[in-house]
Amino acid sequence: MLAPLPNCPGCGSTCVVKNGKSHSGKQNHKCRNCGRQFVSAPTNLLVSSETKALVDKLLSEAIPVASIARITGLSETWLYNYLKSKLKFHDRQIEDKQKGQVS
C-alpha cells in the first residue's frame, strides 16, 4: 500500500506530486496549486534569534568562525552566509548615509 502524499506547507493543498529526489536523497514533492517544492520531513531547522545574538556576540569578540561553529552547533557554511548577509546590510547602510550627506 502506498503512503499518502503530504500536504503542501505553503498553501495546505493536497494536490501534491512526487518531484524527483533532493541532493541528500530525500523525496521531493511539488504542489500543483502554488508550485512550491518541498520534502516531507526536512532536517534543516531555523536558527533562533537567541542563537543569532550569541553568534553576533562571539563575532564581536574576534573568535574564529570554526570555533563559533563548534560552540553553537551551526555549520561553517551557514555562518559564512550569515556574515555575508550582515555585511551586505552594513554596506547598504553606509551607502545610504553617504547619499544623505551628499544631498
PDB file of N, CA and C in Angstrom:
ATOM      1  N   MET A   1       0.845  -1.178   0.000  1.00  0.00           N
ATOM      2  CA  MET A   1       0.000   0.000   0.000  1.00  0.00           C
ATOM      3  C   MET A   1       0.889   1.239   0.000  1.00  0.00           C
ATOM      4  N   LEU A   2       0.549   2.232  -0.799  1.00  0.00           N
ATOM      5  CA  LEU A   2       1.332   3.456  -0.899  1.00  0.00           C
ATOM      6  C   LEU A   2       1.006   4.409   0.244  1.00  0.00           C
ATOM      7  N   ALA A   3       2.049   5.105   0.708  1.00  0.00           N
ATOM      8  CA  ALA A   3       1.847   6.101   1.759  1.00  0.00           C
ATOM      9  C   ALA A   3       1.207   7.343   1.143  1.00  0.00           C
ATOM     10  N   PRO A   4       0.319   7.996   1.868  1.00  0.00           N
ATOM     11  CA  PRO A   4      -0.303   9.208   1.325  1.00  0.00           C
ATOM     12  C   PRO A   4       0.737  10.324   1.178  1.00  0.00           C
ATOM     13  N   LEU A   5       0.560  11.148   0.160  1.00  0.00           N
ATOM     14  CA  LEU A   5       1.465  12.271  -0.045  1.00  0.00           C
ATOM     15  C   LEU A   5       1.165  13.363   0.973  1.00  0.00           C
ATOM     16  N   PRO A   6       2.187  14.102   1.399  1.00  0.00           N
ATOM     17  CA  PRO A   6       1.971  15.153   2.401  1.00  0.00           C
ATOM     18  C   PRO A   6       1.243  16.354   1.809  1.00  0.00           C
ATOM     19  N   ASN A   7       0.644  17.149   2.670  1.00  0.00           N
ATOM     20  CA  ASN A   7       0.032  18.404   2.247  1.00  0.00           C
ATOM     21  C   ASN A   7       1.123  19.439   2.012  1.00  0.00           C
ATOM     22  N   CYS A   8       0.843  20.393   1.157  1.00  0.00           N
ATOM     23  CA  CYS A   8       1.791  21.466   0.862  1.00  0.00           C
ATOM     24  C   CYS A   8       1.959  22.349   2.102  1.00  0.00           C
ATOM     25  N   PRO A   9       3.200  22.622   2.543  1.00  0.00           N
ATOM     26  CA  PRO A   9       3.394  23.500   3.691  1.00  0.00           C
ATOM     27  C   PRO A   9       3.109  24.961   3.365  1.00  0.00           C
ATOM     28  N   GLY A  10       3.057  25.303   2.085  1.00  0.00           N
ATOM     29  CA  GLY A  10       2.806  26.688   1.687  1.00  0.00           C
ATOM     30  C   GLY A  10       1.335  27.049   1.689  1.00  0.00           C
ATOM     31  N   CYS A  11       0.536  26.239   0.974  1.00  0.00           N
ATOM     32  CA  CYS A  11      -0.888  26.575   0.837  1.00  0.00           C
ATOM     33  C   CYS A  11      -1.811  25.532   1.472  1.00  0.00           C
ATOM     34  N   GLY A  12      -1.251  24.401   1.920  1.00  0.00           N
ATOM     35  CA  GLY A  12      -2.064  23.372   2.566  1.00  0.00           C
ATOM     36  C   GLY A  12      -2.800  22.453   1.606  1.00  0.00           C
ATOM     37  N   SER A  13      -2.553  22.598   0.314  1.00  0.00           N
ATOM     38  CA  SER A  13      -3.239  21.812  -0.695  1.00  0.00           C
ATOM     39  C   SER A  13      -2.848  20.340  -0.624  1.00  0.00           C
ATOM     40  N   THR A  14      -3.761  19.491  -1.077  1.00  0.00           N
ATOM     41  CA  THR A  14      -3.469  18.067  -1.168  1.00  0.00           C
ATOM     42  C   THR A  14      -3.097  17.667  -2.593  1.00  0.00           C
ATOM     43  N   CYS A  15      -3.077  18.620  -3.508  1.00  0.00           N
ATOM     44  CA  CYS A  15      -2.700  18.374  -4.916  1.00  0.00           C
ATOM     45  C   CYS A  15      -1.184  18.403  -5.030  1.00  0.00           C
ATOM     46  N   VAL A  16      -0.550  17.336  -4.556  1.00  0.00           N
ATOM     47  CA  VAL A  16       0.906  17.247  -4.486  1.00  0.00           C
ATOM     48  C   VAL A  16       1.366  16.052  -5.305  1.00  0.00           C
ATOM     49  N   VAL A  17       2.473  16.220  -6.031  1.00  0.00           N
ATOM     50  CA  VAL A  17       3.049  15.118  -6.809  1.00  0.00           C
ATOM     51  C   VAL A  17       4.503  14.934  -6.413  1.00  0.00           C
ATOM     52  N   LYS A  18       5.022  13.738  -6.645  1.00  0.00           N
ATOM     53  CA  LYS A  18       6.440  13.490  -6.416  1.00  0.00           C
ATOM     54  C   LYS A  18       7.227  14.250  -7.470  1.00  0.00           C
ATOM     55  N   ASN A  19       8.413  14.749  -7.070  1.00  0.00           N
ATOM     56  CA  ASN A  19       9.203  15.572  -7.983  1.00  0.00           C
ATOM     57  C   ASN A  19      10.689  15.263  -7.856  1.00  0.00           C
ATOM     58  N   GLY A  20      11.062  14.006  -8.042  1.00  0.00           N
ATOM     59  CA  GLY A  20      12.469  13.619  -8.001  1.00  0.00           C
ATOM     60  C   GLY A  20      13.001  13.516  -6.588  1.00  0.00           C
ATOM     61  N   LYS A  21      14.319  13.524  -6.484  1.00  0.00           N
ATOM     62  CA  LYS A  21      15.000  13.410  -5.187  1.00  0.00           C
ATOM     63  C   LYS A  21      15.849  14.647  -4.952  1.00  0.00           C
ATOM     64  N   SER A  22      16.048  14.988  -3.694  1.00  0.00           N
ATOM     65  CA  SER A  22      16.917  16.109  -3.342  1.00  0.00           C
ATOM     66  C   SER A  22      18.372  15.654  -3.408  1.00  0.00           C
ATOM     67  N   HIS A  23      19.301  16.596  -3.259  1.00  0.00           N
ATOM     68  CA  HIS A  23      20.720  16.248  -3.302  1.00  0.00           C
ATOM     69  C   HIS A  23      21.116  15.308  -2.175  1.00  0.00           C
ATOM     70  N   SER A  24      20.327  15.282  -1.101  1.00  0.00           N
ATOM     71  CA  SER A  24      20.633  14.386   0.016  1.00  0.00           C
ATOM     72  C   SER A  24      19.892  13.049  -0.097  1.00  0.00           C
ATOM     73  N   GLY A  25      19.130  12.863  -1.183  1.00  0.00           N
ATOM     74  CA  GLY A  25      18.452  11.594  -1.413  1.00  0.00           C
ATOM     75  C   GLY A  25      17.018  11.529  -0.923  1.00  0.00           C
ATOM     76  N   LYS A  26      16.494  12.612  -0.351  1.00  0.00           N
ATOM     77  CA  LYS A  26      15.113  12.606   0.129  1.00  0.00           C
ATOM     78  C   LYS A  26      14.151  12.845  -1.029  1.00  0.00           C
ATOM     79  N   GLN A  27      12.933  12.366  -0.880  1.00  0.00           N
ATOM     80  CA  GLN A  27      11.908  12.530  -1.902  1.00  0.00           C
ATOM     81  C   GLN A  27      11.425  13.976  -1.947  1.00  0.00           C
ATOM     82  N   ASN A  28      11.530  14.615  -3.117  1.00  0.00           N
ATOM     83  CA  ASN A  28      10.970  15.948  -3.326  1.00  0.00           C
ATOM     84  C   ASN A  28       9.509  15.825  -3.715  1.00  0.00           C
ATOM     85  N   HIS A  29       8.722  16.809  -3.324  1.00  0.00           N
ATOM     86  CA  HIS A  29       7.323  16.901  -3.722  1.00  0.00           C
ATOM     87  C   HIS A  29       7.101  18.288  -4.300  1.00  0.00           C
ATOM     88  N   LYS A  30       6.091  18.411  -5.143  1.00  0.00           N
ATOM     89  CA  LYS A  30       5.752  19.707  -5.713  1.00  0.00           C
ATOM     90  C   LYS A  30       4.243  19.895  -5.650  1.00  0.00           C
ATOM     91  N   CYS A  31       3.840  21.076  -5.217  1.00  0.00           N
ATOM     92  CA  CYS A  31       2.422  21.413  -5.129  1.00  0.00           C
ATOM     93  C   CYS A  31       1.940  21.856  -6.505  1.00  0.00           C
ATOM     94  N   ARG A  32       0.828  21.308  -6.938  1.00  0.00           N
ATOM     95  CA  ARG A  32       0.263  21.698  -8.236  1.00  0.00           C
ATOM     96  C   ARG A  32      -0.491  23.018  -8.162  1.00  0.00           C
ATOM     97  N   ASN A  33      -0.853  23.450  -6.956  1.00  0.00           N
ATOM     98  CA  ASN A  33      -1.579  24.719  -6.818  1.00  0.00           C
ATOM     99  C   ASN A  33      -0.638  25.918  -6.780  1.00  0.00           C
ATOM    100  N   CYS A  34       0.321  25.905  -5.859  1.00  0.00           N
ATOM    101  CA  CYS A  34       1.189  27.088  -5.694  1.00  0.00           C
ATOM    102  C   CYS A  34       2.581  26.897  -6.304  1.00  0.00           C
ATOM    103  N   GLY A  35       2.936  25.651  -6.679  1.00  0.00           N
ATOM    104  CA  GLY A  35       4.221  25.403  -7.313  1.00  0.00           C
ATOM    105  C   GLY A  35       5.381  25.222  -6.352  1.00  0.00           C
ATOM    106  N   ARG A  36       5.106  25.250  -5.069  1.00  0.00           N
ATOM    107  CA  ARG A  36       6.180  25.104  -4.088  1.00  0.00           C
ATOM    108  C   ARG A  36       6.756  23.692  -4.122  1.00  0.00           C
ATOM    109  N   GLN A  37       8.083  23.611  -4.025  1.00  0.00           N
ATOM    110  CA  GLN A  37       8.765  22.323  -3.951  1.00  0.00           C
ATOM    111  C   GLN A  37       9.224  22.127  -2.508  1.00  0.00           C
ATOM    112  N   PHE A  38       9.080  20.916  -1.980  1.00  0.00           N
ATOM    113  CA  PHE A  38       9.423  20.664  -0.579  1.00  0.00           C
ATOM    114  C   PHE A  38       9.692  19.188  -0.358  1.00  0.00           C
ATOM    115  N   VAL A  39      10.310  18.869   0.779  1.00  0.00           N
ATOM    116  CA  VAL A  39      10.454  17.493   1.232  1.00  0.00           C
ATOM    117  C   VAL A  39       9.515  17.323   2.418  1.00  0.00           C
ATOM    118  N   SER A  40       9.039  16.108   2.634  1.00  0.00           N
ATOM    119  CA  SER A  40       8.012  15.903   3.656  1.00  0.00           C
ATOM    120  C   SER A  40       8.557  16.007   5.081  1.00  0.00           C
ATOM    121  N   ALA A  41       9.819  15.656   5.297  1.00  0.00           N
ATOM    122  CA  ALA A  41      10.394  15.731   6.645  1.00  0.00           C
ATOM    123  C   ALA A  41      11.753  16.438   6.577  1.00  0.00           C
ATOM    124  N   PRO A  42      11.760  17.775   6.481  1.00  0.00           N
ATOM    125  CA  PRO A  42      13.035  18.484   6.353  1.00  0.00           C
ATOM    126  C   PRO A  42      13.872  18.365   7.626  1.00  0.00           C
ATOM    127  N   THR A  43      15.179  18.292   7.451  1.00  0.00           N
ATOM    128  CA  THR A  43      16.064  18.175   8.616  1.00  0.00           C
ATOM    129  C   THR A  43      16.693  19.520   8.984  1.00  0.00           C
ATOM    130  N   ASN A  44      16.628  20.495   8.075  1.00  0.00           N
ATOM    131  CA  ASN A  44      17.191  21.789   8.421  1.00  0.00           C
ATOM    132  C   ASN A  44      16.191  22.571   9.269  1.00  0.00           C
ATOM    133  N   LEU A  45      16.662  23.119  10.341  1.00  0.00           N
ATOM    134  CA  LEU A  45      15.814  23.863  11.249  1.00  0.00           C
ATOM    135  C   LEU A  45      16.208  25.332  11.212  1.00  0.00           C
ATOM    136  N   LEU A  46      15.267  26.197  11.477  1.00  0.00           N
ATOM    137  CA  LEU A  46      15.565  27.620  11.507  1.00  0.00           C
ATOM    138  C   LEU A  46      16.413  27.939  12.727  1.00  0.00           C
ATOM    139  N   VAL A  47      17.335  28.867  12.563  1.00  0.00           N
ATOM    140  CA  VAL A  47      18.206  29.275  13.659  1.00  0.00           C
ATOM    141  C   VAL A  47      17.462  30.334  14.474  1.00  0.00           C
ATOM    142  N   SER A  48      17.393  30.137  15.773  1.00  0.00           N
ATOM    143  CA  SER A  48      16.641  31.045  16.641  1.00  0.00           C
ATOM    144  C   SER A  48      17.338  32.395  16.751  1.00  0.00           C
ATOM    145  N   SER A  49      16.570  33.393  17.146  1.00  0.00           N
ATOM    146  CA  SER A  49      17.127  34.742  17.315  1.00  0.00           C
ATOM    147  C   SER A  49      18.134  34.768  18.469  1.00  0.00           C
ATOM    148  N   GLU A  50      17.947  33.902  19.471  1.00  0.00           N
ATOM    149  CA  GLU A  50      18.900  33.834  20.584  1.00  0.00           C
ATOM    150  C   GLU A  50      20.255  33.318  20.095  1.00  0.00           C
ATOM    151  N   THR A  51      20.228  32.315  19.218  1.00  0.00           N
ATOM    152  CA  THR A  51      21.475  31.772  18.681  1.00  0.00           C
ATOM    153  C   THR A  51      22.160  32.807  17.800  1.00  0.00           C
ATOM    154  N   LYS A  52      21.379  33.548  17.005  1.00  0.00           N
ATOM    155  CA  LYS A  52      21.954  34.612  16.169  1.00  0.00           C
ATOM    156  C   LYS A  52      22.587  35.691  17.044  1.00  0.00           C
ATOM    157  N   ALA A  53      21.950  36.025  18.165  1.00  0.00           N
ATOM    158  CA  ALA A  53      22.515  37.019  19.080  1.00  0.00           C
ATOM    159  C   ALA A  53      23.824  36.509  19.681  1.00  0.00           C
ATOM    160  N   LEU A  54      23.878  35.223  20.012  1.00  0.00           N
ATOM    161  CA  LEU A  54      25.109  34.631  20.529  1.00  0.00           C
ATOM    162  C   LEU A  54      26.206  34.672  19.468  1.00  0.00           C
ATOM    163  N   VAL A  55      25.862  34.362  18.227  1.00  0.00           N
ATOM    164  CA  VAL A  55      26.837  34.413  17.130  1.00  0.00           C
ATOM    165  C   VAL A  55      27.366  35.836  16.978  1.00  0.00           C
ATOM    166  N   ASP A  56      26.475  36.830  17.020  1.00  0.00           N
ATOM    167  CA  ASP A  56      26.905  38.230  16.910  1.00  0.00           C
ATOM    168  C   ASP A  56      27.866  38.600  18.035  1.00  0.00           C
ATOM    169  N   LYS A  57      27.561  38.148  19.239  1.00  0.00           N
ATOM    170  CA  LYS A  57      28.419  38.445  20.384  1.00  0.00           C
ATOM    171  C   LYS A  57      29.785  37.778  20.233  1.00  0.00           C
ATOM    172  N   LEU A  58      29.797  36.521  19.804  1.00  0.00           N
ATOM    173  CA  LEU A  58      31.060  35.803  19.608  1.00  0.00           C
ATOM    174  C   LEU A  58      31.873  36.418  18.475  1.00  0.00           C
ATOM    175  N   LEU A  59      31.200  36.877  17.421  1.00  0.00           N
ATOM    176  CA  LEU A  59      31.915  37.537  16.324  1.00  0.00           C
ATOM    177  C   LEU A  59      32.551  38.842  16.782  1.00  0.00           C
ATOM    178  N   SER A  60      31.873  39.557  17.662  1.00  0.00           N
ATOM    179  CA  SER A  60      32.434  40.822  18.161  1.00  0.00           C
ATOM    180  C   SER A  60      33.657  40.591  19.048  1.00  0.00           C
ATOM    181  N   GLU A  61      33.820  39.376  19.553  1.00  0.00           N
ATOM    182  CA  GLU A  61      34.975  39.036  20.375  1.00  0.00           C
ATOM    183  C   GLU A  61      36.132  38.490  19.548  1.00  0.00           C
ATOM    184  N   ALA A  62      36.000  38.525  18.223  1.00  0.00           N
ATOM    185  CA  ALA A  62      37.045  38.070  17.294  1.00  0.00           C
ATOM    186  C   ALA A  62      37.391  36.594  17.478  1.00  0.00           C
ATOM    187  N   ILE A  63      36.359  35.787  17.724  1.00  0.00           N
ATOM    188  CA  ILE A  63      36.537  34.341  17.835  1.00  0.00           C
ATOM    189  C   ILE A  63      36.442  33.759  16.425  1.00  0.00           C
ATOM    190  N   PRO A  64      37.325  32.839  16.061  1.00  0.00           N
ATOM    191  CA  PRO A  64      37.286  32.265  14.709  1.00  0.00           C
ATOM    192  C   PRO A  64      35.949  31.573  14.400  1.00  0.00           C
ATOM    193  N   VAL A  65      35.586  31.590  13.107  1.00  0.00           N
ATOM    194  CA  VAL A  65      34.318  31.013  12.669  1.00  0.00           C
ATOM    195  C   VAL A  65      34.240  29.523  13.010  1.00  0.00           C
ATOM    196  N   ALA A  66      35.359  28.808  12.869  1.00  0.00           N
ATOM    197  CA  ALA A  66      35.361  27.374  13.190  1.00  0.00           C
ATOM    198  C   ALA A  66      35.016  27.147  14.663  1.00  0.00           C
ATOM    199  N   SER A  67      35.524  28.006  15.536  1.00  0.00           N
ATOM    200  CA  SER A  67      35.214  27.879  16.966  1.00  0.00           C
ATOM    201  C   SER A  67      33.757  28.214  17.240  1.00  0.00           C
ATOM    202  N   ILE A  68      33.242  29.238  16.573  1.00  0.00           N
ATOM    203  CA  ILE A  68      31.831  29.602  16.754  1.00  0.00           C
ATOM    204  C   ILE A  68      30.938  28.460  16.286  1.00  0.00           C
ATOM    205  N   ALA A  69      31.324  27.808  15.195  1.00  0.00           N
ATOM    206  CA  ALA A  69      30.548  26.667  14.696  1.00  0.00           C
ATOM    207  C   ALA A  69      30.511  25.545  15.735  1.00  0.00           C
ATOM    208  N   ARG A  70      31.642  25.266  16.368  1.00  0.00           N
ATOM    209  CA  ARG A  70      31.681  24.221  17.403  1.00  0.00           C
ATOM    210  C   ARG A  70      30.848  24.616  18.612  1.00  0.00           C
ATOM    211  N   ILE A  71      30.954  25.878  19.036  1.00  0.00           N
ATOM    212  CA  ILE A  71      30.245  26.341  20.230  1.00  0.00           C
ATOM    213  C   ILE A  71      28.731  26.293  20.031  1.00  0.00           C
ATOM    214  N   THR A  72      28.268  26.773  18.869  1.00  0.00           N
ATOM    215  CA  THR A  72      26.826  26.905  18.629  1.00  0.00           C
ATOM    216  C   THR A  72      26.185  25.683  17.980  1.00  0.00           C
ATOM    217  N   GLY A  73      27.006  24.808  17.391  1.00  0.00           N
ATOM    218  CA  GLY A  73      26.458  23.651  16.695  1.00  0.00           C
ATOM    219  C   GLY A  73      25.969  23.978  15.294  1.00  0.00           C
ATOM    220  N   LEU A  74      26.303  25.164  14.778  1.00  0.00           N
ATOM    221  CA  LEU A  74      25.926  25.564  13.425  1.00  0.00           C
ATOM    222  C   LEU A  74      27.021  25.161  12.447  1.00  0.00           C
ATOM    223  N   SER A  75      26.686  25.073  11.184  1.00  0.00           N
ATOM    224  CA  SER A  75      27.697  24.750  10.183  1.00  0.00           C
ATOM    225  C   SER A  75      28.486  26.004   9.823  1.00  0.00           C
ATOM    226  N   GLU A  76      29.736  25.796   9.413  1.00  0.00           N
ATOM    227  CA  GLU A  76      30.557  26.928   8.984  1.00  0.00           C
ATOM    228  C   GLU A  76      29.953  27.583   7.750  1.00  0.00           C
ATOM    229  N   THR A  77      29.352  26.804   6.869  1.00  0.00           N
ATOM    230  CA  THR A  77      28.710  27.360   5.675  1.00  0.00           C
ATOM    231  C   THR A  77      27.599  28.318   6.066  1.00  0.00           C
ATOM    232  N   TRP A  78      26.757  27.911   7.031  1.00  0.00           N
ATOM    233  CA  TRP A  78      25.683  28.792   7.480  1.00  0.00           C
ATOM    234  C   TRP A  78      26.276  30.069   8.062  1.00  0.00           C
ATOM    235  N   LEU A  79      27.330  29.940   8.865  1.00  0.00           N
ATOM    236  CA  LEU A  79      27.948  31.112   9.485  1.00  0.00           C
ATOM    237  C   LEU A  79      28.509  32.072   8.437  1.00  0.00           C
ATOM    238  N   TYR A  80      29.180  31.541   7.406  1.00  0.00           N
ATOM    239  CA  TYR A  80      29.719  32.403   6.359  1.00  0.00           C
ATOM    240  C   TYR A  80      28.601  33.108   5.596  1.00  0.00           C
ATOM    241  N   ASN A  81      27.528  32.404   5.305  1.00  0.00           N
ATOM    242  CA  ASN A  81      26.386  33.043   4.626  1.00  0.00           C
ATOM    243  C   ASN A  81      25.747  34.108   5.511  1.00  0.00           C
ATOM    244  N   TYR A  82      25.674  33.859   6.807  1.00  0.00           N
ATOM    245  CA  TYR A  82      25.144  34.838   7.760  1.00  0.00           C
ATOM    246  C   TYR A  82      26.030  36.077   7.777  1.00  0.00           C
ATOM    247  N   LEU A  83      27.338  35.881   7.787  1.00  0.00           N
ATOM    248  CA  LEU A  83      28.273  37.003   7.750  1.00  0.00           C
ATOM    249  C   LEU A  83      28.109  37.823   6.473  1.00  0.00           C
ATOM    250  N   LYS A  84      27.967  37.141   5.344  1.00  0.00           N
ATOM    251  CA  LYS A  84      27.778  37.842   4.072  1.00  0.00           C
ATOM    252  C   LYS A  84      26.523  38.700   4.103  1.00  0.00           C
ATOM    253  N   SER A  85      25.431  38.157   4.645  1.00  0.00           N
ATOM    254  CA  SER A  85      24.178  38.922   4.695  1.00  0.00           C
ATOM    255  C   SER A  85      24.316  40.127   5.620  1.00  0.00           C
ATOM    256  N   LYS A  86      25.037  39.974   6.724  1.00  0.00           N
ATOM    257  CA  LYS A  86      25.253  41.098   7.635  1.00  0.00           C
ATOM    258  C   LYS A  86      26.118  42.168   6.981  1.00  0.00           C
ATOM    259  N   LEU A  87      27.133  41.753   6.225  1.00  0.00           N
ATOM    260  CA  LEU A  87      27.996  42.716   5.540  1.00  0.00           C
ATOM    261  C   LEU A  87      27.236  43.471   4.458  1.00  0.00           C
ATOM    262  N   LYS A  88      26.381  42.785   3.708  1.00  0.00           N
ATOM    263  CA  LYS A  88      25.579  43.459   2.685  1.00  0.00           C
ATOM    264  C   LYS A  88      24.676  44.506   3.323  1.00  0.00           C
ATOM    265  N   PHE A  89      24.057  44.161   4.444  1.00  0.00           N
ATOM    266  CA  PHE A  89      23.187  45.100   5.145  1.00  0.00           C
ATOM    267  C   PHE A  89      23.994  46.298   5.628  1.00  0.00           C
ATOM    268  N   HIS A  90      25.173  46.047   6.176  1.00  0.00           N
ATOM    269  CA  HIS A  90      26.042  47.113   6.675  1.00  0.00           C
ATOM    270  C   HIS A  90      26.491  48.022   5.529  1.00  0.00           C
ATOM    271  N   ASP A  91      26.860  47.432   4.394  1.00  0.00           N
ATOM    272  CA  ASP A  91      27.275  48.221   3.227  1.00  0.00           C
ATOM    273  C   ASP A  91      26.141  49.107   2.730  1.00  0.00           C
ATOM    274  N   ARG A  92      24.909  48.588   2.730  1.00  0.00           N
ATOM    275  CA  ARG A  92      23.760  49.390   2.302  1.00  0.00           C
ATOM    276  C   ARG A  92      23.537  50.567   3.242  1.00  0.00           C
ATOM    277  N   GLN A  93      23.728  50.359   4.540  1.00  0.00           N
ATOM    278  CA  GLN A  93      23.552  51.452   5.498  1.00  0.00           C
ATOM    279  C   GLN A  93      24.588  52.541   5.259  1.00  0.00           C
ATOM    280  N   ILE A  94      25.830  52.157   4.978  1.00  0.00           N
ATOM    281  CA  ILE A  94      26.888  53.129   4.721  1.00  0.00           C
ATOM    282  C   ILE A  94      26.573  53.920   3.448  1.00  0.00           C
ATOM    283  N   GLU A  95      26.126  53.233   2.399  1.00  0.00           N
ATOM    284  CA  GLU A  95      25.769  53.911   1.153  1.00  0.00           C
ATOM    285  C   GLU A  95      24.638  54.897   1.382  1.00  0.00           C
ATOM    286  N   ASP A  96      23.635  54.511   2.161  1.00  0.00           N
ATOM    287  CA  ASP A  96      22.512  55.398   2.436  1.00  0.00           C
ATOM    288  C   ASP A  96      22.971  56.641   3.201  1.00  0.00           C
ATOM    289  N   LYS A  97      23.872  56.462   4.149  1.00  0.00           N
ATOM    290  CA  LYS A  97      24.387  57.607   4.908  1.00  0.00           C
ATOM    291  C   LYS A  97      25.185  58.544   4.006  1.00  0.00           C
ATOM    292  N   GLN A  98      25.997  57.962   3.101  1.00  0.00           N
ATOM    293  CA  GLN A  98      26.790  58.773   2.195  1.00  0.00           C
ATOM    294  C   GLN A  98      25.896  59.543   1.228  1.00  0.00           C
ATOM    295  N   LYS A  99      24.847  58.939   0.743  1.00  0.00           N
ATOM    296  CA  LYS A  99      23.901  59.619  -0.139  1.00  0.00           C
ATOM    297  C   LYS A  99      23.212  60.776   0.583  1.00  0.00           C
ATOM    298  N   GLY A 100      22.914  60.568   1.848  1.00  0.00           N
ATOM    299  CA  GLY A 100      22.271  61.611   2.645  1.00  0.00           C
ATOM    300  C   GLY A 100      23.173  62.819   2.876  1.00  0.00           C
ATOM    301  N   GLN A 101      24.489  62.585   2.985  1.00  0.00           N
ATOM    302  CA  GLN A 101      25.442  63.687   3.219  1.00  0.00           C
ATOM    303  C   GLN A 101      25.693  64.474   1.946  1.00  0.00           C
ATOM    304  N   VAL A 102      25.626  63.820   0.773  1.00  0.00           N
ATOM    305  CA  VAL A 102      25.909  64.469  -0.498  1.00  0.00           C
ATOM    306  C   VAL A 102      24.772  65.412  -0.863  1.00  0.00           C
ATOM    307  N   SER A 103      23.545  65.052  -0.590  1.00  0.00           N
ATOM    308  CA  SER A 103      22.377  65.844  -0.999  1.00  0.00           C
ATOM    309  C   SER A 103      22.315  67.175  -0.349  1.00  0.00           C
TER     310      SER A 103
END
